Protein backbone atom coordinates (compact mmCIF):
# COMPACT_ATOMS: atom_id res chain seq x y z
CA MET A 1 -0.72 -10.05 22.95
CA SER A 2 1.73 -7.60 21.40
CA THR A 3 5.44 -8.42 21.68
CA ILE A 4 6.50 -4.84 20.93
CA ASP A 5 9.50 -3.73 23.00
CA GLU A 6 9.30 0.06 22.70
CA ALA A 7 12.65 0.61 24.43
CA ARG A 8 14.34 -1.63 21.86
CA LEU A 9 12.61 0.23 19.07
CA GLU A 10 13.66 3.62 20.46
CA ALA A 11 17.31 2.50 20.38
CA SER A 12 16.96 2.15 16.62
CA ALA A 13 14.64 5.11 15.98
CA HIS A 14 17.44 6.93 14.15
CA GLN A 15 17.59 4.12 11.57
CA VAL A 16 15.65 5.81 8.78
CA LEU A 17 16.10 4.93 5.11
CA ARG A 18 15.32 8.14 3.21
CA GLU A 19 16.68 6.94 -0.12
CA ALA A 20 18.74 4.17 -1.69
CA ILE A 21 20.57 5.72 -4.63
CA ASP A 22 23.40 3.63 -6.11
CA PRO A 23 24.89 5.32 -9.21
CA ARG A 24 26.52 2.06 -10.30
CA LEU A 25 23.16 0.38 -10.90
CA PRO A 26 21.23 0.94 -14.15
CA GLY A 27 17.65 1.94 -14.82
CA LEU A 28 16.96 3.99 -11.70
CA TYR A 29 13.34 4.98 -11.21
CA ARG A 30 12.28 6.75 -8.03
CA GLY A 31 8.72 6.28 -6.87
CA LYS A 32 7.14 8.03 -3.91
CA VAL A 33 8.16 5.18 -1.58
CA ARG A 34 10.46 2.89 -3.58
CA ASP A 35 13.75 3.36 -5.38
CA ASN A 36 13.86 0.88 -8.27
CA TYR A 37 16.53 -0.38 -10.65
CA ASP A 38 16.06 -2.28 -13.91
CA LEU A 39 18.85 -4.78 -14.59
CA PRO A 40 19.81 -5.83 -18.14
CA ASP A 41 18.80 -9.44 -17.45
CA GLY A 42 15.13 -8.56 -16.91
CA ARG A 43 15.17 -8.36 -13.14
CA ARG A 44 13.93 -5.33 -11.20
CA ILE A 45 15.28 -4.33 -7.78
CA LEU A 46 12.79 -2.57 -5.52
CA VAL A 47 14.09 -0.87 -2.39
CA THR A 48 11.34 0.10 0.05
CA SER A 49 12.33 3.30 1.83
CA ASP A 50 10.82 4.80 4.96
CA ARG A 51 9.15 7.61 3.02
CA LEU A 52 5.42 8.02 3.71
CA SER A 53 3.22 9.05 0.80
CA ALA A 54 -0.35 10.33 0.90
CA PHE A 55 -2.39 12.76 -1.22
CA ASP A 56 0.08 12.05 -4.08
CA LEU A 57 2.89 13.59 -1.99
CA VAL A 58 5.76 12.42 0.19
CA LEU A 59 4.90 13.78 3.63
CA CYS A 60 7.70 12.50 5.89
CA CYS A 61 9.81 9.46 6.80
CA ILE A 62 8.72 6.89 9.38
CA PRO A 63 11.30 4.69 11.17
CA PHE A 64 11.02 0.96 10.28
CA LYS A 65 8.31 1.58 7.71
CA GLY A 66 10.17 0.13 4.73
CA GLN A 67 11.14 -3.03 6.55
CA VAL A 68 7.58 -3.45 7.83
CA LEU A 69 6.08 -3.05 4.36
CA ASN A 70 8.54 -5.49 2.80
CA GLY A 71 7.88 -8.04 5.54
CA ILE A 72 4.09 -7.82 5.36
CA ALA A 73 4.11 -7.89 1.55
CA ARG A 74 6.34 -10.98 1.57
CA TRP A 75 3.97 -12.75 3.94
CA ALA A 76 0.84 -11.67 2.03
CA LEU A 77 2.24 -12.67 -1.37
CA GLU A 78 3.06 -16.10 0.03
CA GLN A 79 -0.51 -16.40 1.35
CA THR A 80 -2.02 -15.59 -2.06
CA ALA A 81 0.35 -17.32 -4.49
CA ASP A 82 -2.32 -19.96 -5.22
CA ILE A 83 -4.68 -17.22 -6.48
CA CYS A 84 -2.24 -15.21 -8.59
CA PRO A 85 1.49 -15.62 -9.30
CA ASN A 86 3.65 -12.66 -8.34
CA HIS A 87 6.84 -10.97 -9.44
CA VAL A 88 9.14 -12.02 -6.56
CA LEU A 89 12.45 -13.79 -7.17
CA ASP A 90 14.46 -13.04 -4.01
CA TYR A 91 14.74 -10.99 -0.81
CA PRO A 92 18.43 -10.05 -0.37
CA ASP A 93 17.76 -7.53 2.42
CA PRO A 94 14.86 -6.67 4.78
CA ASN A 95 14.14 -3.56 2.65
CA ILE A 96 14.79 -5.10 -0.78
CA VAL A 97 12.87 -7.40 -3.11
CA VAL A 98 14.16 -8.58 -6.47
CA GLY A 99 11.47 -9.45 -8.98
CA ARG A 100 10.74 -10.01 -12.64
CA ARG A 101 10.34 -6.83 -14.63
CA LEU A 102 6.72 -6.67 -15.72
CA ASP A 103 4.75 -4.72 -18.27
CA ILE A 104 2.58 -2.93 -15.70
CA LEU A 105 -1.07 -2.59 -16.66
CA PRO A 106 -2.12 1.08 -17.03
CA VAL A 107 -5.01 0.82 -14.54
CA GLU A 108 -4.79 1.00 -10.76
CA ILE A 109 -7.10 -1.56 -9.18
CA VAL A 110 -8.70 -0.58 -5.85
CA VAL A 111 -11.14 -2.96 -4.16
CA ARG A 112 -13.43 -1.48 -1.51
CA GLY A 113 -15.57 -3.32 0.98
CA TYR A 114 -16.67 -0.26 2.97
CA LEU A 115 -17.80 3.33 2.33
CA ALA A 116 -14.53 4.91 3.45
CA GLY A 117 -11.63 7.12 2.45
CA THR A 118 -10.25 10.66 2.62
CA THR A 119 -8.86 11.29 -0.88
CA ASN A 120 -10.69 12.88 -3.80
CA THR A 121 -11.07 9.48 -5.49
CA SER A 122 -12.44 7.70 -2.40
CA ILE A 123 -16.08 6.64 -2.53
CA LEU A 124 -16.84 8.28 0.83
CA THR A 125 -15.60 11.67 -0.41
CA MET A 126 -17.63 11.31 -3.60
CA TYR A 127 -20.68 10.02 -1.70
CA ARG A 128 -20.61 12.96 0.70
CA ALA A 129 -20.50 15.27 -2.32
CA GLY A 130 -23.81 13.81 -3.45
CA GLN A 131 -22.61 11.32 -6.03
CA ARG A 132 -24.34 7.96 -6.13
CA GLU A 133 -23.03 6.64 -9.44
CA MET A 134 -19.29 6.13 -9.46
CA TYR A 135 -16.79 3.78 -11.09
CA GLY A 136 -19.62 2.02 -12.90
CA HIS A 137 -21.49 1.26 -9.66
CA VAL A 138 -24.63 2.82 -8.19
CA LEU A 139 -24.72 3.15 -4.40
CA PRO A 140 -28.00 3.56 -2.52
CA ASP A 141 -28.97 6.59 -0.45
CA GLY A 142 -28.74 6.41 3.32
CA LEU A 143 -25.32 4.80 3.75
CA ALA A 144 -23.31 5.83 6.79
CA ALA A 145 -19.62 6.69 6.67
CA ASN A 146 -17.48 3.55 7.06
CA GLN A 147 -20.46 1.24 6.63
CA ALA A 148 -19.92 -2.10 4.90
CA LEU A 149 -21.05 -2.25 1.28
CA GLU A 150 -23.47 -4.96 0.24
CA THR A 151 -20.62 -6.56 -1.70
CA PRO A 152 -17.04 -5.43 -2.39
CA ILE A 153 -16.61 -3.31 -5.50
CA ILE A 154 -13.70 -2.41 -7.75
CA THR A 155 -13.01 1.30 -8.19
CA PRO A 156 -10.32 1.55 -10.89
CA THR A 157 -8.37 4.71 -11.60
CA SER A 158 -5.95 5.90 -14.24
CA LYS A 159 -2.27 5.94 -13.40
CA ALA A 160 -1.28 9.57 -12.99
CA ALA A 161 2.10 10.97 -13.95
CA ASP A 162 4.26 12.38 -11.16
CA GLY A 163 2.62 15.45 -9.66
CA ALA A 164 -0.76 14.66 -11.18
CA HIS A 165 -3.74 12.92 -9.58
CA ASP A 166 -5.37 9.60 -10.40
CA ALA A 167 -8.74 9.85 -12.15
CA PRO A 168 -11.76 7.54 -11.72
CA LEU A 169 -12.55 5.06 -14.49
CA THR A 170 -15.47 2.77 -15.28
CA PRO A 171 -15.03 -0.73 -16.75
CA GLY A 172 -16.55 0.53 -20.00
CA GLU A 173 -14.01 3.36 -20.22
CA ILE A 174 -11.13 0.97 -19.53
CA VAL A 175 -12.12 -1.21 -22.47
CA SER A 176 -13.22 1.58 -24.84
CA ARG A 177 -10.00 3.52 -24.32
CA GLY A 178 -7.95 0.39 -25.02
CA LEU A 179 -6.33 0.40 -21.58
CA LEU A 180 -7.24 -3.26 -21.19
CA SER A 181 -9.05 -5.73 -23.40
CA GLU A 182 -12.38 -7.07 -22.22
CA ALA A 183 -10.75 -10.43 -21.45
CA GLN A 184 -7.94 -8.74 -19.51
CA TRP A 185 -10.40 -6.66 -17.49
CA ARG A 186 -12.41 -9.78 -16.66
CA GLN A 187 -9.29 -11.64 -15.52
CA VAL A 188 -7.98 -8.69 -13.51
CA SER A 189 -11.29 -7.97 -11.78
CA GLU A 190 -11.96 -11.62 -10.92
CA THR A 191 -8.43 -12.01 -9.57
CA ALA A 192 -8.62 -8.79 -7.54
CA LEU A 193 -11.90 -9.80 -5.89
CA ALA A 194 -10.49 -13.24 -5.04
CA LEU A 195 -7.37 -11.67 -3.54
CA PHE A 196 -9.49 -9.26 -1.51
CA ALA A 197 -11.64 -12.10 -0.18
CA ARG A 198 -8.49 -13.93 0.94
CA GLY A 199 -7.12 -10.76 2.51
CA GLN A 200 -10.36 -10.13 4.41
CA LYS A 201 -10.38 -13.71 5.67
CA LEU A 202 -6.79 -13.49 6.91
CA ALA A 203 -7.44 -10.10 8.52
CA GLY A 204 -10.54 -11.44 10.26
CA GLU A 205 -8.43 -14.19 11.83
CA ARG A 206 -6.33 -11.41 13.44
CA ASP A 207 -9.41 -9.48 14.65
CA LEU A 208 -8.87 -6.89 11.90
CA ILE A 209 -11.05 -5.55 9.09
CA LEU A 210 -9.52 -5.12 5.63
CA ALA A 211 -11.71 -2.24 4.46
CA ASP A 212 -10.10 -1.59 1.09
CA THR A 213 -6.88 -2.22 -0.77
CA LYS A 214 -4.93 -1.50 -3.96
CA TYR A 215 -3.42 -3.98 -6.40
CA GLU A 216 -0.82 -3.53 -9.11
CA PHE A 217 -0.80 -6.08 -11.93
CA GLY A 218 1.57 -6.63 -14.82
CA LEU A 219 2.34 -9.09 -17.58
CA ASP A 220 5.63 -11.00 -17.65
CA ALA A 221 7.61 -11.86 -20.78
CA ASP A 222 5.31 -14.85 -21.41
CA GLY A 223 2.14 -12.77 -21.08
CA ILE A 224 1.27 -14.23 -17.67
CA LEU A 225 -0.64 -11.93 -15.30
CA ARG A 226 1.34 -11.39 -12.10
CA LEU A 227 1.01 -9.29 -8.97
CA ALA A 228 3.60 -6.55 -8.71
CA ASP A 229 4.68 -4.18 -5.94
CA GLU A 230 3.09 -5.02 -2.57
CA ILE A 231 -0.25 -6.31 -1.34
CA HIS A 232 -2.26 -6.08 1.87
CA THR A 233 0.21 -3.76 3.60
CA PRO A 234 -0.82 -0.70 5.65
CA ASP A 235 0.36 1.47 2.72
CA SER A 236 -1.75 -0.23 0.07
CA SER A 237 -4.68 -1.09 2.36
CA ARG A 238 -7.01 0.34 4.99
CA TYR A 239 -7.17 -1.78 8.15
CA TRP A 240 -9.49 -1.27 11.11
CA ARG A 241 -9.70 -2.95 14.50
CA ALA A 242 -12.67 -5.29 14.39
CA ASP A 243 -13.38 -5.37 18.13
CA THR A 244 -14.32 -1.67 18.36
CA TYR A 245 -15.80 -1.27 14.87
CA PRO A 246 -19.52 -1.91 15.69
CA GLU A 247 -19.72 0.54 18.56
CA ARG A 248 -17.79 3.26 16.73
CA LEU A 249 -19.94 2.84 13.62
CA ALA A 250 -23.11 3.10 15.75
CA ALA A 251 -21.76 6.27 17.37
CA GLY A 252 -20.88 7.80 14.00
CA GLU A 253 -17.19 7.75 14.89
CA ARG A 254 -14.27 6.87 12.67
CA PRO A 255 -13.10 3.25 13.12
CA ASN A 256 -9.89 2.64 15.02
CA SER A 257 -7.26 2.78 12.32
CA PHE A 258 -4.46 0.32 11.80
CA ASP A 259 -2.65 2.03 8.96
CA LYS A 260 -1.19 5.33 7.76
CA ASP A 261 -4.60 7.01 8.17
CA VAL A 262 -3.07 8.25 11.45
CA ILE A 263 -1.16 10.87 9.45
CA ARG A 264 -3.63 11.20 6.56
CA GLU A 265 -6.38 12.22 8.97
CA TRP A 266 -4.13 14.71 10.78
CA VAL A 267 -3.08 16.38 7.51
CA ALA A 268 -6.65 16.50 6.21
CA ALA A 269 -7.77 18.19 9.46
CA GLU A 270 -4.96 20.77 9.27
CA CYS A 271 -5.28 21.87 5.64
CA ASP A 272 -6.54 21.09 2.17
CA PRO A 273 -3.74 18.71 1.11
CA TYR A 274 -4.50 19.19 -2.58
CA ALA A 275 -4.29 23.00 -2.45
CA ASP A 276 -2.32 24.09 0.63
CA ALA A 277 1.26 23.63 1.79
CA ILE A 278 1.49 20.58 4.07
CA PRO A 279 2.45 21.56 7.63
CA GLU A 280 5.39 19.80 9.28
CA ILE A 281 4.33 16.49 10.81
CA PRO A 282 4.85 16.58 14.61
CA PRO A 283 7.63 14.24 15.86
CA GLU A 284 5.27 12.59 18.34
CA LEU A 285 2.89 11.73 15.49
CA ILE A 286 5.77 10.27 13.46
CA TRP A 287 6.76 8.03 16.39
CA LYS A 288 3.17 7.01 17.03
CA THR A 289 2.93 6.04 13.36
CA ALA A 290 6.19 4.06 13.58
CA LEU A 291 4.77 2.06 16.48
CA THR A 292 1.57 1.53 14.51
CA TYR A 293 3.54 0.12 11.58
CA VAL A 294 5.39 -2.27 13.88
CA GLU A 295 2.11 -3.37 15.42
CA ASP A 296 0.77 -3.79 11.87
CA HIS A 297 3.56 -6.25 11.12
CA GLU A 298 3.01 -8.31 14.23
CA ARG A 299 -0.78 -8.27 14.06
CA ILE A 300 -1.16 -8.93 10.34
CA THR A 301 1.53 -11.60 9.96
CA GLY A 302 1.44 -13.10 13.45
CA GLN A 303 5.25 -12.84 13.48
CA PRO A 304 7.46 -10.68 15.74
CA PHE A 305 9.15 -7.64 14.24
CA THR A 306 12.92 -7.45 14.61
CA PRO A 307 14.12 -3.83 14.29
CA PRO A 308 17.48 -3.06 12.69
CA PRO A 309 20.32 -2.87 15.24
CA PRO A 310 21.50 0.64 16.22
CA ALA A 311 24.51 0.22 13.88
CA PRO A 312 25.52 -0.02 11.10
CA SER A 313 23.14 2.37 9.41
CA VAL A 314 20.26 0.94 7.39
CA HIS A 315 21.40 3.10 4.49
CA ASN A 316 24.88 1.51 4.45
CA ARG A 317 23.44 -1.97 4.89
CA VAL A 318 21.11 -1.48 1.91
CA LEU A 319 23.90 -0.07 -0.29
CA SER A 320 26.04 -3.06 0.65
CA ALA A 321 23.26 -5.41 -0.47
CA LEU A 322 22.85 -3.49 -3.71
CA ALA A 323 26.56 -3.81 -4.44
CA GLU A 324 26.00 -7.51 -5.17
CA PHE A 325 24.18 -6.46 -8.36
CA HIS A 326 26.97 -4.28 -9.77
CA ALA A 327 28.12 -5.31 -13.22
CA PRO A 328 31.55 -7.03 -13.11
């Protein structure tokens, strides 16, 4: 049963971390969701903001989102450390993780267990457009939207520069272009499938379906493959509610979502997000999404979510934590 106290959450709804810019820290890199700093000693600080990204754009900010993502990622990385080591060294704040700086592999690894998605690189979008061969796989005719695949598949993409879009790759292209060696691709793909199997098992224990997910891998200074960024969060993964999935699939309806598809679907219904200006996200949809993220945390991890107190501001708290890393 959910332990969400909506009144307590509303008291902290103003606590939104839009950015975490500290000019005294070196090596600032701003991603769509995270503000990162590279320290001279080889550590990387990653601050997870409340920005919500979809369609290669930042759409809005969602209260509590950064803390939720950091908390779920921490839990998921601990649950999978026996499969693949990760980058984490410390968690000095609910929105901050300090990790090893890695040489990030130039391929984005997406594992899909279902025919789903809304973006141009999703297999459902491509399937509906008539494609059957994609990412080095051949899918049969007659599949229904959101149907389970016979076996999970990896759909790798290139890593796009800011403002550009990821592009589909096949395993052969990855090796022939020199993005990864054949041995690296084998290790990465085997590790990704093992991680996905663990994630699906853990989700199933919470009456959830992990439909697909994204992994980021990198090599440390010793050449060891490690997980970077986050795993099995509602930003990097598509979760559905397992109890209503069969009946909704049979009715041709979209599964009950447990992730940021709440906003992705709304935007996709309002406009072409790759060609049109994105309309302002309604406040009620932002709050609904905030509650969904909190429920994500509690459902996925089995642990209660503690929102930030009404004061001091999350922004000031995060800057205070970052001050510990200032050079003397």
